N, C-alpha and C. Protein backbone atom coordinates (compact mmCIF):
# COMPACT_ATOMS: atom_id res chain seq x y z
N MET A 1 -43.65 -14.45 44.62
CA MET A 1 -43.83 -12.87 45.27
C MET A 1 -42.49 -12.37 45.38
N SER A 2 -41.39 -13.19 46.02
CA SER A 2 -40.17 -12.51 46.17
C SER A 2 -39.36 -12.06 44.92
N ASN A 3 -39.88 -12.64 43.81
CA ASN A 3 -39.39 -12.35 42.42
C ASN A 3 -40.04 -11.00 42.05
N GLU A 4 -41.18 -10.47 42.51
CA GLU A 4 -41.64 -9.37 42.10
C GLU A 4 -40.85 -8.08 42.78
N SER A 5 -40.51 -8.57 44.09
CA SER A 5 -39.70 -7.31 44.92
C SER A 5 -38.25 -7.20 44.45
N ASN A 6 -37.74 -8.36 44.04
CA ASN A 6 -36.39 -8.34 43.35
C ASN A 6 -36.05 -7.51 41.97
N SER A 7 -37.33 -7.89 41.32
CA SER A 7 -37.34 -7.39 39.99
C SER A 7 -37.61 -5.75 39.99
N SER A 8 -38.42 -5.16 40.70
CA SER A 8 -38.64 -3.90 41.05
C SER A 8 -37.66 -3.20 41.76
N HIS A 9 -37.01 -3.89 42.52
CA HIS A 9 -35.51 -3.30 43.14
C HIS A 9 -34.70 -2.83 41.75
N GLU A 10 -34.43 -4.01 41.06
CA GLU A 10 -33.35 -3.68 40.10
C GLU A 10 -33.90 -2.93 38.98
N LYS A 11 -35.23 -2.53 38.68
CA LYS A 11 -35.71 -1.71 37.83
C LYS A 11 -35.50 -0.20 38.55
N ALA A 12 -35.24 -0.17 39.68
CA ALA A 12 -35.24 1.20 40.35
C ALA A 12 -33.71 1.76 40.04
N GLU A 13 -32.70 0.77 39.91
CA GLU A 13 -31.24 1.04 40.00
C GLU A 13 -30.83 1.35 38.61
N SER A 14 -30.15 2.24 37.91
CA SER A 14 -29.34 2.67 36.85
C SER A 14 -28.10 1.82 36.93
N LEU A 15 -28.11 1.29 36.00
CA LEU A 15 -26.63 0.53 35.49
C LEU A 15 -25.68 1.47 34.75
N ILE A 16 -24.57 1.32 34.77
CA ILE A 16 -23.61 2.03 34.11
C ILE A 16 -22.99 1.42 32.68
N TYR A 17 -23.27 2.04 31.86
CA TYR A 17 -23.29 1.40 30.32
C TYR A 17 -22.02 2.16 29.71
N GLN A 18 -21.44 1.51 28.99
CA GLN A 18 -20.17 2.02 27.93
C GLN A 18 -20.78 1.64 26.53
N ILE A 19 -20.91 2.61 25.72
CA ILE A 19 -20.98 2.17 24.14
C ILE A 19 -20.02 2.90 23.45
N ARG A 20 -19.25 1.88 22.56
CA ARG A 20 -18.11 2.32 21.81
C ARG A 20 -18.79 2.47 20.51
N ILE A 21 -18.28 3.83 19.79
CA ILE A 21 -18.86 3.69 18.30
C ILE A 21 -17.45 4.22 17.60
N LYS A 22 -17.69 3.95 16.49
CA LYS A 22 -16.51 4.37 15.53
C LYS A 22 -16.42 5.90 14.98
N GLY A 23 -15.55 6.31 15.25
CA GLY A 23 -15.63 7.76 14.94
C GLY A 23 -15.73 8.79 16.08
N HIS A 24 -15.71 10.11 15.84
CA HIS A 24 -15.63 10.89 16.95
C HIS A 24 -17.11 11.70 16.98
N LEU A 25 -17.40 12.03 18.11
CA LEU A 25 -18.62 12.85 18.13
C LEU A 25 -18.59 13.88 18.94
N ASP A 26 -18.67 15.16 18.89
CA ASP A 26 -18.33 16.37 19.57
C ASP A 26 -19.19 16.25 20.99
N CYS A 27 -18.75 16.88 21.89
CA CYS A 27 -19.35 17.02 23.34
C CYS A 27 -21.12 17.38 23.09
N LYS A 28 -21.13 18.50 21.95
CA LYS A 28 -22.38 19.02 21.93
C LYS A 28 -23.55 17.89 21.81
N TRP A 29 -23.17 16.69 21.51
CA TRP A 29 -24.18 15.61 21.41
C TRP A 29 -24.82 15.02 22.60
N ALA A 30 -23.88 15.40 24.03
CA ALA A 30 -24.39 15.04 25.27
C ALA A 30 -25.97 14.93 25.38
N ASP A 31 -26.58 15.94 24.96
CA ASP A 31 -28.01 16.29 25.14
C ASP A 31 -28.86 15.17 24.53
N TRP A 32 -28.25 15.19 23.28
CA TRP A 32 -28.92 13.81 22.04
C TRP A 32 -28.85 12.53 22.95
N PHE A 33 -27.56 12.15 23.39
CA PHE A 33 -27.47 11.06 24.22
C PHE A 33 -27.62 10.95 25.50
N ALA A 34 -28.87 11.58 26.23
CA ALA A 34 -29.51 11.85 27.67
C ALA A 34 -28.14 12.14 28.35
N GLY A 35 -27.32 12.92 28.34
CA GLY A 35 -26.41 13.33 29.18
C GLY A 35 -25.51 12.07 29.37
N LEU A 36 -25.20 11.27 28.64
CA LEU A 36 -23.90 10.27 28.92
C LEU A 36 -22.66 11.24 28.75
N SER A 37 -21.39 10.84 29.13
CA SER A 37 -20.31 11.42 29.18
C SER A 37 -19.90 11.17 27.68
N ILE A 38 -19.29 11.72 26.94
CA ILE A 38 -18.68 11.65 25.37
C ILE A 38 -17.37 11.78 25.64
N THR A 39 -16.43 10.84 25.38
CA THR A 39 -15.12 10.50 25.55
C THR A 39 -14.43 10.37 24.27
N SER A 40 -13.77 11.24 23.43
CA SER A 40 -13.04 10.88 22.01
C SER A 40 -11.55 9.91 22.49
N LEU A 41 -11.53 8.85 21.94
CA LEU A 41 -10.26 7.75 22.32
C LEU A 41 -9.44 8.30 21.34
N GLU A 42 -7.92 7.92 21.37
CA GLU A 42 -7.03 8.18 20.65
C GLU A 42 -6.95 7.42 19.32
N ASN A 43 -7.84 6.13 19.45
CA ASN A 43 -7.81 4.90 18.28
C ASN A 43 -8.81 5.44 17.12
N GLY A 44 -9.60 6.81 17.59
CA GLY A 44 -10.57 6.98 16.59
C GLY A 44 -11.86 6.73 16.85
N GLU A 45 -12.32 6.42 18.19
CA GLU A 45 -13.58 5.77 18.72
C GLU A 45 -14.25 6.76 19.58
N THR A 46 -15.18 6.96 19.99
CA THR A 46 -15.73 7.62 20.75
C THR A 46 -16.59 6.59 21.89
N LEU A 47 -16.37 6.80 23.37
CA LEU A 47 -16.82 6.33 24.43
C LEU A 47 -18.06 6.83 25.12
N LEU A 48 -18.99 6.68 24.86
CA LEU A 48 -20.50 7.11 25.58
C LEU A 48 -20.63 6.17 26.85
N THR A 49 -20.48 6.81 28.02
CA THR A 49 -20.61 6.18 29.37
C THR A 49 -21.39 7.08 30.36
N GLY A 50 -22.48 6.09 31.04
CA GLY A 50 -23.07 7.13 31.99
C GLY A 50 -24.32 5.77 32.53
N PRO A 51 -25.33 6.01 33.40
CA PRO A 51 -26.31 5.39 33.85
C PRO A 51 -27.36 5.42 32.81
N VAL A 52 -28.00 3.92 32.68
CA VAL A 52 -29.09 3.82 31.89
C VAL A 52 -30.17 3.13 32.83
N LEU A 53 -31.39 3.56 32.89
CA LEU A 53 -32.14 3.29 33.62
C LEU A 53 -32.59 1.73 33.67
N ASP A 54 -32.98 1.24 32.33
CA ASP A 54 -33.47 -0.12 32.04
C ASP A 54 -33.13 -0.29 30.48
N GLN A 55 -33.50 -1.53 30.09
CA GLN A 55 -33.31 -2.03 28.71
C GLN A 55 -33.83 -1.13 27.68
N ALA A 56 -35.09 -0.69 28.00
CA ALA A 56 -36.00 0.12 26.91
C ALA A 56 -34.92 1.37 26.43
N ALA A 57 -34.45 1.96 27.69
CA ALA A 57 -33.80 3.28 27.49
C ALA A 57 -32.43 2.95 26.73
N LEU A 58 -31.50 1.45 26.93
CA LEU A 58 -30.43 1.19 26.62
C LEU A 58 -30.93 0.96 24.82
N HIS A 59 -31.77 0.46 24.63
CA HIS A 59 -32.09 0.37 23.18
C HIS A 59 -32.77 1.63 22.64
N GLY A 60 -33.09 2.44 23.21
CA GLY A 60 -33.45 3.93 22.67
C GLY A 60 -31.85 4.72 22.28
N LEU A 61 -30.82 4.40 23.26
CA LEU A 61 -29.59 4.56 22.91
C LEU A 61 -29.15 4.22 21.59
N LEU A 62 -29.28 3.07 21.49
CA LEU A 62 -28.62 2.40 20.60
C LEU A 62 -29.14 2.82 19.38
N ARG A 63 -30.54 2.99 19.14
CA ARG A 63 -31.26 3.61 18.18
C ARG A 63 -30.72 5.19 17.74
N LYS A 64 -30.22 5.80 18.90
CA LYS A 64 -29.78 7.21 18.50
C LYS A 64 -28.25 6.85 17.66
N VAL A 65 -27.51 6.09 18.34
CA VAL A 65 -26.28 5.55 17.64
C VAL A 65 -26.13 5.34 16.15
N ARG A 66 -27.42 4.44 15.93
CA ARG A 66 -27.86 4.17 14.59
C ARG A 66 -28.02 5.56 13.89
N ASP A 67 -28.74 6.41 14.26
CA ASP A 67 -29.64 7.27 13.79
C ASP A 67 -28.46 8.47 13.23
N VAL A 68 -27.06 8.54 13.84
CA VAL A 68 -26.12 9.77 13.53
C VAL A 68 -25.06 8.64 12.90
N SER A 69 -25.47 7.32 12.14
CA SER A 69 -24.90 6.81 11.27
C SER A 69 -23.24 6.42 11.65
N LEU A 70 -22.92 6.40 12.83
CA LEU A 70 -21.46 5.79 13.20
C LEU A 70 -21.76 4.07 13.62
N PRO A 71 -20.63 3.63 13.04
CA PRO A 71 -20.72 2.01 13.39
C PRO A 71 -20.49 1.90 14.80
N LEU A 72 -21.30 0.90 15.43
CA LEU A 72 -21.29 0.45 16.96
C LEU A 72 -20.16 -0.16 16.91
N VAL A 73 -19.66 -0.56 17.80
CA VAL A 73 -18.38 -1.13 18.01
C VAL A 73 -18.64 -1.99 19.17
N ALA A 74 -19.24 -2.03 20.44
CA ALA A 74 -19.23 -2.45 21.36
C ALA A 74 -20.02 -1.81 22.66
N VAL A 75 -21.03 -2.78 23.60
CA VAL A 75 -21.65 -2.35 24.36
C VAL A 75 -21.75 -3.31 25.71
N MET A 76 -21.11 -2.24 26.57
CA MET A 76 -20.81 -3.15 28.08
C MET A 76 -21.18 -2.71 29.15
N GLN A 77 -21.72 -3.42 29.89
CA GLN A 77 -22.21 -3.00 31.39
C GLN A 77 -21.06 -2.93 32.34
N VAL A 78 -20.69 -1.86 32.85
CA VAL A 78 -19.43 -1.70 33.86
C VAL A 78 -19.89 -1.21 35.10
N GLU A 79 -19.14 -1.72 35.71
CA GLU A 79 -19.08 -1.06 37.54
C GLU A 79 -18.59 0.10 37.45
N PRO A 80 -19.35 1.20 38.55
CA PRO A 80 -18.94 2.75 38.29
C PRO A 80 -17.51 2.81 38.29
N GLU A 81 -16.60 2.00 38.90
CA GLU A 81 -15.09 2.20 39.10
C GLU A 81 -14.63 1.88 37.57
N GLN A 82 -15.16 1.03 36.98
CA GLN A 82 -14.46 0.72 35.59
C GLN A 82 -15.02 1.69 34.43
N ALA A 83 -15.68 2.86 35.03
CA ALA A 83 -16.11 4.07 33.87
C ALA A 83 -15.17 4.87 33.86
N GLU A 84 -14.05 5.05 34.37
CA GLU A 84 -13.13 5.72 34.19
C GLU A 84 -12.29 5.28 33.05
N VAL A 85 -11.46 5.89 31.93
CA VAL A 85 -11.14 5.32 30.55
C VAL A 85 -9.70 5.95 30.81
N PRO A 86 -8.69 5.14 30.87
CA PRO A 86 -7.35 5.73 30.83
C PRO A 86 -6.80 6.38 29.63
N ASP A 87 -7.24 5.65 28.41
CA ASP A 87 -6.63 6.23 27.16
C ASP A 87 -7.26 7.41 26.45
N VAL A 88 -7.61 8.23 27.18
CA VAL A 88 -8.67 9.31 26.76
C VAL A 88 -7.57 10.45 26.23
N LYS A 89 -7.69 11.52 25.08
CA LYS A 89 -6.99 12.32 24.28
C LYS A 89 -7.40 13.42 25.23
N PRO A 90 -6.75 14.09 25.66
CA PRO A 90 -6.92 15.44 26.39
C PRO A 90 -7.86 16.71 25.63
């Protein structure tokens, strides 16, 4: 029974994810990506960062990455303080 309360507590908390894709996306795509922040990196990649409610929501975001035909580079769960990106283009 204690597993049930732990799993429902975990489901209620959004985790912060960074999704790195090859190529640049304009900030107008923010609504398409459920409000994730969109950061263009100097190396020609885009970093999508923000809270993701659960695994189903993460898979939905990954489908959207596929739908815009940009290659997926990496998906990482990060701590909130790691969500800041130092190598961002102004």
